[in-house]
Amino acid sequence: MPPEFARRVLALLAQVPVGRVVTYGRLAELAGYPRHSRHVGRLLGHLPEGISAPWHRVVGAGGRLSRPGSEQADWQRVLLEEEDVAFHVNGKVDMRICEWSGEVV
């Protein structure tokens, strides 16, 4: 992916408010790269040292946490719960309440 992709994705991710989440697909779409959700995941999974981004605010389609059952998913849930993100009993984020559509607040 071109360097512009990473710049756009990270700039958008920085705008996701506390207590809200965005999907990998929506983030890719907002960055101008629809259908590149896996590239967003790869980018966030391999951020260079020194780059801080609220990666925990990015979830899979339907509110799924990244890598369910892993330490990363457990940590992501802790971070989201600290921001008062609502979860369903099935462990998914309540997207109806918490999804960020791209509006700047």
PDB file of N, CA and C in Angstrom:
ATOM      1  N   MET A   1       0.848  -1.179   0.000  1.00  0.00           N
ATOM      2  CA  MET A   1       0.000   0.000   0.000  1.00  0.00           C
ATOM      3  C   MET A   1       0.895   1.244   0.000  1.00  0.00           C
ATOM      4  N   PRO A   2       0.429   2.287  -0.622  1.00  0.00           N
ATOM      5  CA  PRO A   2       1.222   3.520  -0.656  1.00  0.00           C
ATOM      6  C   PRO A   2       1.297   4.168   0.727  1.00  0.00           C
ATOM      7  N   PRO A   3       2.335   4.956   0.980  1.00  0.00           N
ATOM      8  CA  PRO A   3       2.477   5.636   2.274  1.00  0.00           C
ATOM      9  C   PRO A   3       1.254   6.494   2.607  1.00  0.00           C
ATOM     10  N   GLU A   4       0.602   7.011   1.593  1.00  0.00           N
ATOM     11  CA  GLU A   4      -0.590   7.835   1.802  1.00  0.00           C
ATOM     12  C   GLU A   4      -1.683   7.055   2.528  1.00  0.00           C
ATOM     13  N   PHE A   5      -1.772   5.767   2.277  1.00  0.00           N
ATOM     14  CA  PHE A   5      -2.761   4.916   2.930  1.00  0.00           C
ATOM     15  C   PHE A   5      -2.578   4.965   4.448  1.00  0.00           C
ATOM     16  N   ALA A   6      -1.371   4.705   4.903  1.00  0.00           N
ATOM     17  CA  ALA A   6      -1.092   4.712   6.340  1.00  0.00           C
ATOM     18  C   ALA A   6      -1.362   6.088   6.939  1.00  0.00           C
ATOM     19  N   ARG A   7      -0.947   7.128   6.241  1.00  0.00           N
ATOM     20  CA  ARG A   7      -1.162   8.480   6.753  1.00  0.00           C
ATOM     21  C   ARG A   7      -2.646   8.760   6.936  1.00  0.00           C
ATOM     22  N   ARG A   8      -3.441   8.415   5.933  1.00  0.00           N
ATOM     23  CA  ARG A   8      -4.884   8.671   6.007  1.00  0.00           C
ATOM     24  C   ARG A   8      -5.559   7.854   7.101  1.00  0.00           C
ATOM     25  N   VAL A   9      -5.223   6.578   7.169  1.00  0.00           N
ATOM     26  CA  VAL A   9      -5.837   5.699   8.174  1.00  0.00           C
ATOM     27  C   VAL A   9      -5.517   6.189   9.579  1.00  0.00           C
ATOM     28  N   LEU A  10      -4.263   6.501   9.832  1.00  0.00           N
ATOM     29  CA  LEU A  10      -3.868   6.937  11.175  1.00  0.00           C
ATOM     30  C   LEU A  10      -4.469   8.296  11.515  1.00  0.00           C
ATOM     31  N   ALA A  11      -4.576   9.178  10.549  1.00  0.00           N
ATOM     32  CA  ALA A  11      -5.200  10.484  10.796  1.00  0.00           C
ATOM     33  C   ALA A  11      -6.678  10.317  11.152  1.00  0.00           C
ATOM     34  N   LEU A  12      -7.356   9.437  10.451  1.00  0.00           N
ATOM     35  CA  LEU A  12      -8.768   9.185  10.761  1.00  0.00           C
ATOM     36  C   LEU A  12      -8.918   8.506  12.117  1.00  0.00           C
ATOM     37  N   LEU A  13      -8.074   7.537  12.384  1.00  0.00           N
ATOM     38  CA  LEU A  13      -8.152   6.826  13.652  1.00  0.00           C
ATOM     39  C   LEU A  13      -7.971   7.775  14.825  1.00  0.00           C
ATOM     40  N   ALA A  14      -7.130   8.764  14.672  1.00  0.00           N
ATOM     41  CA  ALA A  14      -6.906   9.755  15.733  1.00  0.00           C
ATOM     42  C   ALA A  14      -8.170  10.564  16.027  1.00  0.00           C
ATOM     43  N   GLN A  15      -9.112  10.582  15.090  1.00  0.00           N
ATOM     44  CA  GLN A  15     -10.349  11.343  15.273  1.00  0.00           C
ATOM     45  C   GLN A  15     -11.469  10.550  15.949  1.00  0.00           C
ATOM     46  N   VAL A  16     -11.302   9.238  16.082  1.00  0.00           N
ATOM     47  CA  VAL A  16     -12.344   8.422  16.709  1.00  0.00           C
ATOM     48  C   VAL A  16     -12.429   8.818  18.180  1.00  0.00           C
ATOM     49  N   PRO A  17     -13.591   9.300  18.607  1.00  0.00           N
ATOM     50  CA  PRO A  17     -13.719   9.778  19.978  1.00  0.00           C
ATOM     51  C   PRO A  17     -13.645   8.650  21.016  1.00  0.00           C
ATOM     52  N   VAL A  18     -13.270   9.009  22.215  1.00  0.00           N
ATOM     53  CA  VAL A  18     -13.285   8.082  23.336  1.00  0.00           C
ATOM     54  C   VAL A  18     -14.709   7.549  23.486  1.00  0.00           C
ATOM     55  N   GLY A  19     -14.822   6.243  23.692  1.00  0.00           N
ATOM     56  CA  GLY A  19     -16.126   5.629  23.877  1.00  0.00           C
ATOM     57  C   GLY A  19     -16.823   5.231  22.596  1.00  0.00           C
ATOM     58  N   ARG A  20     -16.150   5.390  21.471  1.00  0.00           N
ATOM     59  CA  ARG A  20     -16.715   5.017  20.168  1.00  0.00           C
ATOM     60  C   ARG A  20     -15.755   4.067  19.483  1.00  0.00           C
ATOM     61  N   VAL A  21     -16.266   3.304  18.527  1.00  0.00           N
ATOM     62  CA  VAL A  21     -15.445   2.366  17.753  1.00  0.00           C
ATOM     63  C   VAL A  21     -15.770   2.512  16.273  1.00  0.00           C
ATOM     64  N   VAL A  22     -14.865   2.013  15.451  1.00  0.00           N
ATOM     65  CA  VAL A  22     -15.045   2.009  14.001  1.00  0.00           C
ATOM     66  C   VAL A  22     -14.578   0.646  13.507  1.00  0.00           C
ATOM     67  N   THR A  23     -15.175   0.169  12.437  1.00  0.00           N
ATOM     68  CA  THR A  23     -14.744  -1.118  11.890  1.00  0.00           C
ATOM     69  C   THR A  23     -13.545  -0.915  10.961  1.00  0.00           C
ATOM     70  N   TYR A  24     -12.826  -2.008  10.749  1.00  0.00           N
ATOM     71  CA  TYR A  24     -11.692  -1.968   9.822  1.00  0.00           C
ATOM     72  C   TYR A  24     -12.164  -1.527   8.442  1.00  0.00           C
ATOM     73  N   GLY A  25     -13.292  -2.076   8.011  1.00  0.00           N
ATOM     74  CA  GLY A  25     -13.820  -1.745   6.692  1.00  0.00           C
ATOM     75  C   GLY A  25     -14.225  -0.292   6.560  1.00  0.00           C
ATOM     76  N   ARG A  26     -14.883   0.244   7.578  1.00  0.00           N
ATOM     77  CA  ARG A  26     -15.310   1.643   7.524  1.00  0.00           C
ATOM     78  C   ARG A  26     -14.101   2.562   7.524  1.00  0.00           C
ATOM     79  N   LEU A  27     -13.087   2.227   8.305  1.00  0.00           N
ATOM     80  CA  LEU A  27     -11.875   3.037   8.353  1.00  0.00           C
ATOM     81  C   LEU A  27     -11.189   3.049   6.983  1.00  0.00           C
ATOM     82  N   ALA A  28     -11.126   1.894   6.347  1.00  0.00           N
ATOM     83  CA  ALA A  28     -10.540   1.817   5.000  1.00  0.00           C
ATOM     84  C   ALA A  28     -11.353   2.653   4.016  1.00  0.00           C
ATOM     85  N   GLU A  29     -12.664   2.550   4.106  1.00  0.00           N
ATOM     86  CA  GLU A  29     -13.550   3.309   3.216  1.00  0.00           C
ATOM     87  C   GLU A  29     -13.369   4.813   3.412  1.00  0.00           C
ATOM     88  N   LEU A  30     -13.345   5.261   4.661  1.00  0.00           N
ATOM     89  CA  LEU A  30     -13.175   6.686   4.946  1.00  0.00           C
ATOM     90  C   LEU A  30     -11.819   7.201   4.453  1.00  0.00           C
ATOM     91  N   ALA A  31     -10.815   6.325   4.475  1.00  0.00           N
ATOM     92  CA  ALA A  31      -9.473   6.711   4.019  1.00  0.00           C
ATOM     93  C   ALA A  31      -9.370   6.754   2.500  1.00  0.00           C
ATOM     94  N   GLY A  32     -10.436   6.310   1.830  1.00  0.00           N
ATOM     95  CA  GLY A  32     -10.413   6.321   0.367  1.00  0.00           C
ATOM     96  C   GLY A  32      -9.961   5.016  -0.249  1.00  0.00           C
ATOM     97  N   TYR A  33      -9.930   3.954   0.555  1.00  0.00           N
ATOM     98  CA  TYR A  33      -9.501   2.647   0.088  1.00  0.00           C
ATOM     99  C   TYR A  33     -10.553   1.601   0.454  1.00  0.00           C
ATOM    100  N   PRO A  34     -11.739   1.699  -0.157  1.00  0.00           N
ATOM    101  CA  PRO A  34     -12.772   0.716   0.177  1.00  0.00           C
ATOM    102  C   PRO A  34     -12.289  -0.702  -0.132  1.00  0.00           C
ATOM    103  N   ARG A  35     -12.803  -1.650   0.637  1.00  0.00           N
ATOM    104  CA  ARG A  35     -12.471  -3.069   0.472  1.00  0.00           C
ATOM    105  C   ARG A  35     -11.019  -3.391   0.825  1.00  0.00           C
ATOM    106  N   HIS A  36     -10.407  -2.560   1.654  1.00  0.00           N
ATOM    107  CA  HIS A  36      -9.031  -2.807   2.096  1.00  0.00           C
ATOM    108  C   HIS A  36      -8.957  -2.947   3.618  1.00  0.00           C
ATOM    109  N   SER A  37      -9.973  -3.558   4.198  1.00  0.00           N
ATOM    110  CA  SER A  37     -10.008  -3.694   5.651  1.00  0.00           C
ATOM    111  C   SER A  37      -8.837  -4.518   6.186  1.00  0.00           C
ATOM    112  N   ARG A  38      -8.431  -5.526   5.450  1.00  0.00           N
ATOM    113  CA  ARG A  38      -7.299  -6.345   5.912  1.00  0.00           C
ATOM    114  C   ARG A  38      -6.007  -5.546   5.950  1.00  0.00           C
ATOM    115  N   HIS A  39      -5.876  -4.607   5.031  1.00  0.00           N
ATOM    116  CA  HIS A  39      -4.694  -3.745   5.042  1.00  0.00           C
ATOM    117  C   HIS A  39      -4.695  -2.854   6.285  1.00  0.00           C
ATOM    118  N   VAL A  40      -5.875  -2.402   6.685  1.00  0.00           N
ATOM    119  CA  VAL A  40      -5.975  -1.598   7.910  1.00  0.00           C
ATOM    120  C   VAL A  40      -5.520  -2.450   9.097  1.00  0.00           C
ATOM    121  N   GLY A  41      -6.010  -3.679   9.169  1.00  0.00           N
ATOM    122  CA  GLY A  41      -5.603  -4.580  10.253  1.00  0.00           C
ATOM    123  C   GLY A  41      -4.113  -4.829  10.271  1.00  0.00           C
ATOM    124  N   ARG A  42      -3.552  -5.040   9.101  1.00  0.00           N
ATOM    125  CA  ARG A  42      -2.105  -5.274   8.996  1.00  0.00           C
ATOM    126  C   ARG A  42      -1.325  -4.046   9.460  1.00  0.00           C
ATOM    127  N   LEU A  43      -1.784  -2.863   9.033  1.00  0.00           N
ATOM    128  CA  LEU A  43      -1.125  -1.617   9.436  1.00  0.00           C
ATOM    129  C   LEU A  43      -1.139  -1.464  10.954  1.00  0.00           C
ATOM    130  N   LEU A  44      -2.309  -1.667  11.553  1.00  0.00           N
ATOM    131  CA  LEU A  44      -2.422  -1.483  13.004  1.00  0.00           C
ATOM    132  C   LEU A  44      -1.675  -2.552  13.783  1.00  0.00           C
ATOM    133  N   GLY A  45      -1.556  -3.729  13.211  1.00  0.00           N
ATOM    134  CA  GLY A  45      -0.822  -4.803  13.870  1.00  0.00           C
ATOM    135  C   GLY A  45       0.688  -4.658  13.788  1.00  0.00           C
ATOM    136  N   HIS A  46       1.145  -3.762  12.923  1.00  0.00           N
ATOM    137  CA  HIS A  46       2.587  -3.580  12.723  1.00  0.00           C
ATOM    138  C   HIS A  46       2.982  -2.102  12.781  1.00  0.00           C
ATOM    139  N   LEU A  47       2.409  -1.382  13.710  1.00  0.00           N
ATOM    140  CA  LEU A  47       2.762   0.036  13.843  1.00  0.00           C
ATOM    141  C   LEU A  47       4.220   0.172  14.254  1.00  0.00           C
ATOM    142  N   PRO A  48       4.955   1.058  13.607  1.00  0.00           N
ATOM    143  CA  PRO A  48       6.348   1.278  14.005  1.00  0.00           C
ATOM    144  C   PRO A  48       6.436   1.789  15.439  1.00  0.00           C
ATOM    145  N   GLU A  49       7.520   1.462  16.083  1.00  0.00           N
ATOM    146  CA  GLU A  49       7.737   1.929  17.451  1.00  0.00           C
ATOM    147  C   GLU A  49       7.712   3.453  17.471  1.00  0.00           C
ATOM    148  N   GLY A  50       7.079   3.986  18.483  1.00  0.00           N
ATOM    149  CA  GLY A  50       6.994   5.436  18.619  1.00  0.00           C
ATOM    150  C   GLY A  50       5.710   6.016  18.055  1.00  0.00           C
ATOM    151  N   ILE A  51       4.960   5.220  17.297  1.00  0.00           N
ATOM    152  CA  ILE A  51       3.684   5.707  16.774  1.00  0.00           C
ATOM    153  C   ILE A  51       2.580   5.200  17.692  1.00  0.00           C
ATOM    154  N   SER A  52       1.878   6.139  18.272  1.00  0.00           N
ATOM    155  CA  SER A  52       0.790   5.803  19.181  1.00  0.00           C
ATOM    156  C   SER A  52      -0.532   6.053  18.477  1.00  0.00           C
ATOM    157  N   ALA A  53      -1.399   5.064  18.480  1.00  0.00           N
ATOM    158  CA  ALA A  53      -2.711   5.192  17.851  1.00  0.00           C
ATOM    159  C   ALA A  53      -3.714   4.406  18.691  1.00  0.00           C
ATOM    160  N   PRO A  54      -4.943   4.876  18.789  1.00  0.00           N
ATOM    161  CA  PRO A  54      -5.951   4.151  19.576  1.00  0.00           C
ATOM    162  C   PRO A  54      -6.467   2.916  18.828  1.00  0.00           C
ATOM    163  N   TRP A  55      -5.596   1.968  18.592  1.00  0.00           N
ATOM    164  CA  TRP A  55      -5.894   0.745  17.842  1.00  0.00           C
ATOM    165  C   TRP A  55      -7.078  -0.009  18.426  1.00  0.00           C
ATOM    166  N   HIS A  56      -7.257   0.107  19.739  1.00  0.00           N
ATOM    167  CA  HIS A  56      -8.310  -0.652  20.414  1.00  0.00           C
ATOM    168  C   HIS A  56      -9.713  -0.204  20.010  1.00  0.00           C
ATOM    169  N   ARG A  57      -9.826   0.958  19.374  1.00  0.00           N
ATOM    170  CA  ARG A  57     -11.123   1.465  18.931  1.00  0.00           C
ATOM    171  C   ARG A  57     -11.524   0.944  17.556  1.00  0.00           C
ATOM    172  N   VAL A  58     -10.736   0.042  17.003  1.00  0.00           N
ATOM    173  CA  VAL A  58     -11.057  -0.556  15.710  1.00  0.00           C
ATOM    174  C   VAL A  58     -11.476  -2.001  15.949  1.00  0.00           C
ATOM    175  N   VAL A  59     -12.674  -2.346  15.452  1.00  0.00           N
ATOM    176  CA  VAL A  59     -13.228  -3.682  15.658  1.00  0.00           C
ATOM    177  C   VAL A  59     -13.630  -4.280  14.315  1.00  0.00           C
ATOM    178  N   GLY A  60     -13.887  -5.564  14.341  1.00  0.00           N
ATOM    179  CA  GLY A  60     -14.342  -6.249  13.142  1.00  0.00           C
ATOM    180  C   GLY A  60     -15.803  -5.946  12.856  1.00  0.00           C
ATOM    181  N   ALA A  61     -16.244  -6.405  11.704  1.00  0.00           N
ATOM    182  CA  ALA A  61     -17.634  -6.204  11.300  1.00  0.00           C
ATOM    183  C   ALA A  61     -18.567  -6.753  12.369  1.00  0.00           C
ATOM    184  N   GLY A  62     -19.605  -6.026  12.634  1.00  0.00           N
ATOM    185  CA  GLY A  62     -20.586  -6.468  13.621  1.00  0.00           C
ATOM    186  C   GLY A  62     -20.136  -6.292  15.054  1.00  0.00           C
ATOM    187  N   GLY A  63     -18.984  -5.658  15.269  1.00  0.00           N
ATOM    188  CA  GLY A  63     -18.517  -5.397  16.629  1.00  0.00           C
ATOM    189  C   GLY A  63     -17.616  -6.458  17.227  1.00  0.00           C
ATOM    190  N   ARG A  64     -17.129  -7.368  16.390  1.00  0.00           N
ATOM    191  CA  ARG A  64     -16.234  -8.410  16.896  1.00  0.00           C
ATOM    192  C   ARG A  64     -14.885  -7.830  17.298  1.00  0.00           C
ATOM    193  N   LEU A  65     -14.367  -8.313  18.414  1.00  0.00           N
ATOM    194  CA  LEU A  65     -13.027  -7.906  18.833  1.00  0.00           C
ATOM    195  C   LEU A  65     -11.992  -8.642  17.997  1.00  0.00           C
ATOM    196  N   SER A  66     -10.827  -8.050  17.892  1.00  0.00           N
ATOM    197  CA  SER A  66      -9.733  -8.655  17.131  1.00  0.00           C
ATOM    198  C   SER A  66      -9.250  -9.924  17.823  1.00  0.00           C
ATOM    199  N   ARG A  67      -9.059 -10.965  17.071  1.00  0.00           N
ATOM    200  CA  ARG A  67      -8.502 -12.235  17.564  1.00  0.00           C
ATOM    201  C   ARG A  67      -9.191 -12.706  18.849  1.00  0.00           C
ATOM    202  N   PRO A  68     -10.469 -13.067  18.781  1.00  0.00           N
ATOM    203  CA  PRO A  68     -11.198 -13.499  19.981  1.00  0.00           C
ATOM    204  C   PRO A  68     -10.468 -14.616  20.720  1.00  0.00           C
ATOM    205  N   GLY A  69     -10.479 -14.534  22.036  1.00  0.00           N
ATOM    206  CA  GLY A  69      -9.829 -15.541  22.864  1.00  0.00           C
ATOM    207  C   GLY A  69      -8.354 -15.305  23.102  1.00  0.00           C
ATOM    208  N   SER A  70      -7.791 -14.272  22.485  1.00  0.00           N
ATOM    209  CA  SER A  70      -6.365 -13.992  22.658  1.00  0.00           C
ATOM    210  C   SER A  70      -6.160 -12.943  23.751  1.00  0.00           C
ATOM    211  N   GLU A  71      -4.910 -12.805  24.177  1.00  0.00           N
ATOM    212  CA  GLU A  71      -4.574 -11.753  25.138  1.00  0.00           C
ATOM    213  C   GLU A  71      -4.879 -10.380  24.557  1.00  0.00           C
ATOM    214  N   GLN A  72      -4.637 -10.235  23.253  1.00  0.00           N
ATOM    215  CA  GLN A  72      -4.903  -8.953  22.590  1.00  0.00           C
ATOM    216  C   GLN A  72      -6.382  -8.601  22.688  1.00  0.00           C
ATOM    217  N   ALA A  73      -7.260  -9.561  22.464  1.00  0.00           N
ATOM    218  CA  ALA A  73      -8.702  -9.309  22.542  1.00  0.00           C
ATOM    219  C   ALA A  73      -9.097  -8.963  23.975  1.00  0.00           C
ATOM    220  N   ASP A  74      -8.518  -9.669  24.932  1.00  0.00           N
ATOM    221  CA  ASP A  74      -8.819  -9.369  26.339  1.00  0.00           C
ATOM    222  C   ASP A  74      -8.392  -7.940  26.680  1.00  0.00           C
ATOM    223  N   TRP A  75      -7.201  -7.550  26.220  1.00  0.00           N
ATOM    224  CA  TRP A  75      -6.687  -6.213  26.479  1.00  0.00           C
ATOM    225  C   TRP A  75      -7.540  -5.168  25.764  1.00  0.00           C
ATOM    226  N   GLN A  76      -7.943  -5.457  24.540  1.00  0.00           N
ATOM    227  CA  GLN A  76      -8.797  -4.541  23.789  1.00  0.00           C
ATOM    228  C   GLN A  76     -10.113  -4.324  24.539  1.00  0.00           C
ATOM    229  N   ARG A  77     -10.701  -5.392  25.058  1.00  0.00           N
ATOM    230  CA  ARG A  77     -11.964  -5.262  25.792  1.00  0.00           C
ATOM    231  C   ARG A  77     -11.774  -4.418  27.053  1.00  0.00           C
ATOM    232  N   VAL A  78     -10.694  -4.644  27.772  1.00  0.00           N
ATOM    233  CA  VAL A  78     -10.418  -3.845  28.977  1.00  0.00           C
ATOM    234  C   VAL A  78     -10.333  -2.363  28.623  1.00  0.00           C
ATOM    235  N   LEU A  79      -9.574  -2.055  27.575  1.00  0.00           N
ATOM    236  CA  LEU A  79      -9.420  -0.653  27.170  1.00  0.00           C
ATOM    237  C   LEU A  79     -10.758  -0.039  26.751  1.00  0.00           C
ATOM    238  N   LEU A  80     -11.560  -0.790  26.020  1.00  0.00           N
ATOM    239  CA  LEU A  80     -12.861  -0.279  25.587  1.00  0.00           C
ATOM    240  C   LEU A  80     -13.817  -0.124  26.765  1.00  0.00           C
ATOM    241  N   GLU A  81     -13.794  -1.063  27.693  1.00  0.00           N
ATOM    242  CA  GLU A  81     -14.657  -0.947  28.872  1.00  0.00           C
ATOM    243  C   GLU A  81     -14.277   0.265  29.714  1.00  0.00           C
ATOM    244  N   GLU A  82     -12.985   0.577  29.769  1.00  0.00           N
ATOM    245  CA  GLU A  82     -12.541   1.774  30.492  1.00  0.00           C
ATOM    246  C   GLU A  82     -13.096   3.045  29.858  1.00  0.00           C
ATOM    247  N   GLU A  83     -13.429   2.969  28.568  1.00  0.00           N
ATOM    248  CA  GLU A  83     -14.002   4.111  27.850  1.00  0.00           C
ATOM    249  C   GLU A  83     -15.534   4.034  27.814  1.00  0.00           C
ATOM    250  N   ASP A  84     -16.105   3.111  28.596  1.00  0.00           N
ATOM    251  CA  ASP A  84     -17.556   2.914  28.683  1.00  0.00           C
ATOM    252  C   ASP A  84     -18.201   2.469  27.380  1.00  0.00           C
ATOM    253  N   VAL A  85     -17.481   1.715  26.581  1.00  0.00           N
ATOM    254  CA  VAL A  85     -18.059   1.126  25.371  1.00  0.00           C
ATOM    255  C   VAL A  85     -18.979  -0.011  25.814  1.00  0.00           C
ATOM    256  N   ALA A  86     -20.190  -0.044  25.244  1.00  0.00           N
ATOM    257  CA  ALA A  86     -21.187  -1.050  25.611  1.00  0.00           C
ATOM    258  C   ALA A  86     -20.971  -2.347  24.834  1.00  0.00           C
ATOM    259  N   PHE A  87     -21.112  -3.469  25.538  1.00  0.00           N
ATOM    260  CA  PHE A  87     -20.977  -4.792  24.937  1.00  0.00           C
ATOM    261  C   PHE A  87     -22.279  -5.566  25.090  1.00  0.00           C
ATOM    262  N   HIS A  88     -22.545  -6.425  24.112  1.00  0.00           N
ATOM    263  CA  HIS A  88     -23.652  -7.375  24.210  1.00  0.00           C
ATOM    264  C   HIS A  88     -23.175  -8.560  25.048  1.00  0.00           C
ATOM    265  N   VAL A  89     -24.107  -9.397  25.482  1.00  0.00           N
ATOM    266  CA  VAL A  89     -23.734 -10.583  26.259  1.00  0.00           C
ATOM    267  C   VAL A  89     -22.892 -11.559  25.432  1.00  0.00           C
ATOM    268  N   ASN A  90     -22.971 -11.484  24.102  1.00  0.00           N
ATOM    269  CA  ASN A  90     -22.176 -12.370  23.251  1.00  0.00           C
ATOM    270  C   ASN A  90     -20.732 -11.885  23.079  1.00  0.00           C
ATOM    271  N   GLY A  91     -20.376 -10.771  23.732  1.00  0.00           N
ATOM    272  CA  GLY A  91     -19.002 -10.271  23.694  1.00  0.00           C
ATOM    273  C   GLY A  91     -18.713  -9.274  22.598  1.00  0.00           C
ATOM    274  N   LYS A  92     -19.710  -8.995  21.757  1.00  0.00           N
ATOM    275  CA  LYS A  92     -19.506  -8.020  20.683  1.00  0.00           C
ATOM    276  C   LYS A  92     -19.868  -6.619  21.174  1.00  0.00           C
ATOM    277  N   VAL A  93     -19.214  -5.625  20.576  1.00  0.00           N
ATOM    278  CA  VAL A  93     -19.514  -4.227  20.879  1.00  0.00           C
ATOM    279  C   VAL A  93     -20.918  -3.911  20.362  1.00  0.00           C
ATOM    280  N   ASP A  94     -21.666  -3.148  21.119  1.00  0.00           N
ATOM    281  CA  ASP A  94     -22.995  -2.713  20.676  1.00  0.00           C
ATOM    282  C   ASP A  94     -22.796  -1.582  19.672  1.00  0.00           C
ATOM    283  N   MET A  95     -22.760  -1.947  18.405  1.00  0.00           N
ATOM    284  CA  MET A  95     -22.476  -0.985  17.346  1.00  0.00           C
ATOM    285  C   MET A  95     -23.595   0.050  17.213  1.00  0.00           C
ATOM    286  N   ARG A  96     -24.790  -0.325  17.584  1.00  0.00           N
ATOM    287  CA  ARG A  96     -25.915   0.604  17.493  1.00  0.00           C
ATOM    288  C   ARG A  96     -25.652   1.838  18.361  1.00  0.00           C
ATOM    289  N   ILE A  97     -24.972   1.627  19.456  1.00  0.00           N
ATOM    290  CA  ILE A  97     -24.692   2.712  20.397  1.00  0.00           C
ATOM    291  C   ILE A  97     -23.311   3.328  20.179  1.00  0.00           C
ATOM    292  N   CYS A  98     -22.328   2.509  19.869  1.00  0.00           N
ATOM    293  CA  CYS A  98     -20.925   2.941  19.935  1.00  0.00           C
ATOM    294  C   CYS A  98     -20.220   3.157  18.607  1.00  0.00           C
ATOM    295  N   GLU A  99     -20.878   2.886  17.491  1.00  0.00           N
ATOM    296  CA  GLU A  99     -20.172   3.007  16.208  1.00  0.00           C
ATOM    297  C   GLU A  99     -19.945   4.455  15.828  1.00  0.00           C
ATOM    298  N   TRP A 100     -18.725   4.751  15.405  1.00  0.00           N
ATOM    299  CA  TRP A 100     -18.356   6.076  14.886  1.00  0.00           C
ATOM    300  C   TRP A 100     -18.458   6.006  13.379  1.00  0.00           C
ATOM    301  N   SER A 101     -19.249   6.874  12.803  1.00  0.00           N
ATOM    302  CA  SER A 101     -19.481   6.813  11.363  1.00  0.00           C
ATOM    303  C   SER A 101     -18.505   7.664  10.564  1.00  0.00           C
ATOM    304  N   GLY A 102     -17.744   8.476  11.243  1.00  0.00           N
ATOM    305  CA  GLY A 102     -16.779   9.316  10.539  1.00  0.00           C
ATOM    306  C   GLY A 102     -16.979  10.788  10.772  1.00  0.00           C
ATOM    307  N   GLU A 103     -18.026  11.120  11.534  1.00  0.00           N
ATOM    308  CA  GLU A 103     -18.258  12.539  11.813  1.00  0.00           C
ATOM    309  C   GLU A 103     -17.221  13.044  12.809  1.00  0.00           C
ATOM    310  N   VAL A 104     -16.761  14.240  12.597  1.00  0.00           N
ATOM    311  CA  VAL A 104     -15.783  14.835  13.499  1.00  0.00           C
ATOM    312  C   VAL A 104     -16.562  15.568  14.584  1.00  0.00           C
ATOM    313  N   VAL A 105     -16.223  15.252  15.830  1.00  0.00           N
ATOM    314  CA  VAL A 105     -16.932  15.881  16.955  1.00  0.00           C
ATOM    315  C   VAL A 105     -16.069  16.889  17.658  1.00  0.00           C
TER     316      VAL A 105
END
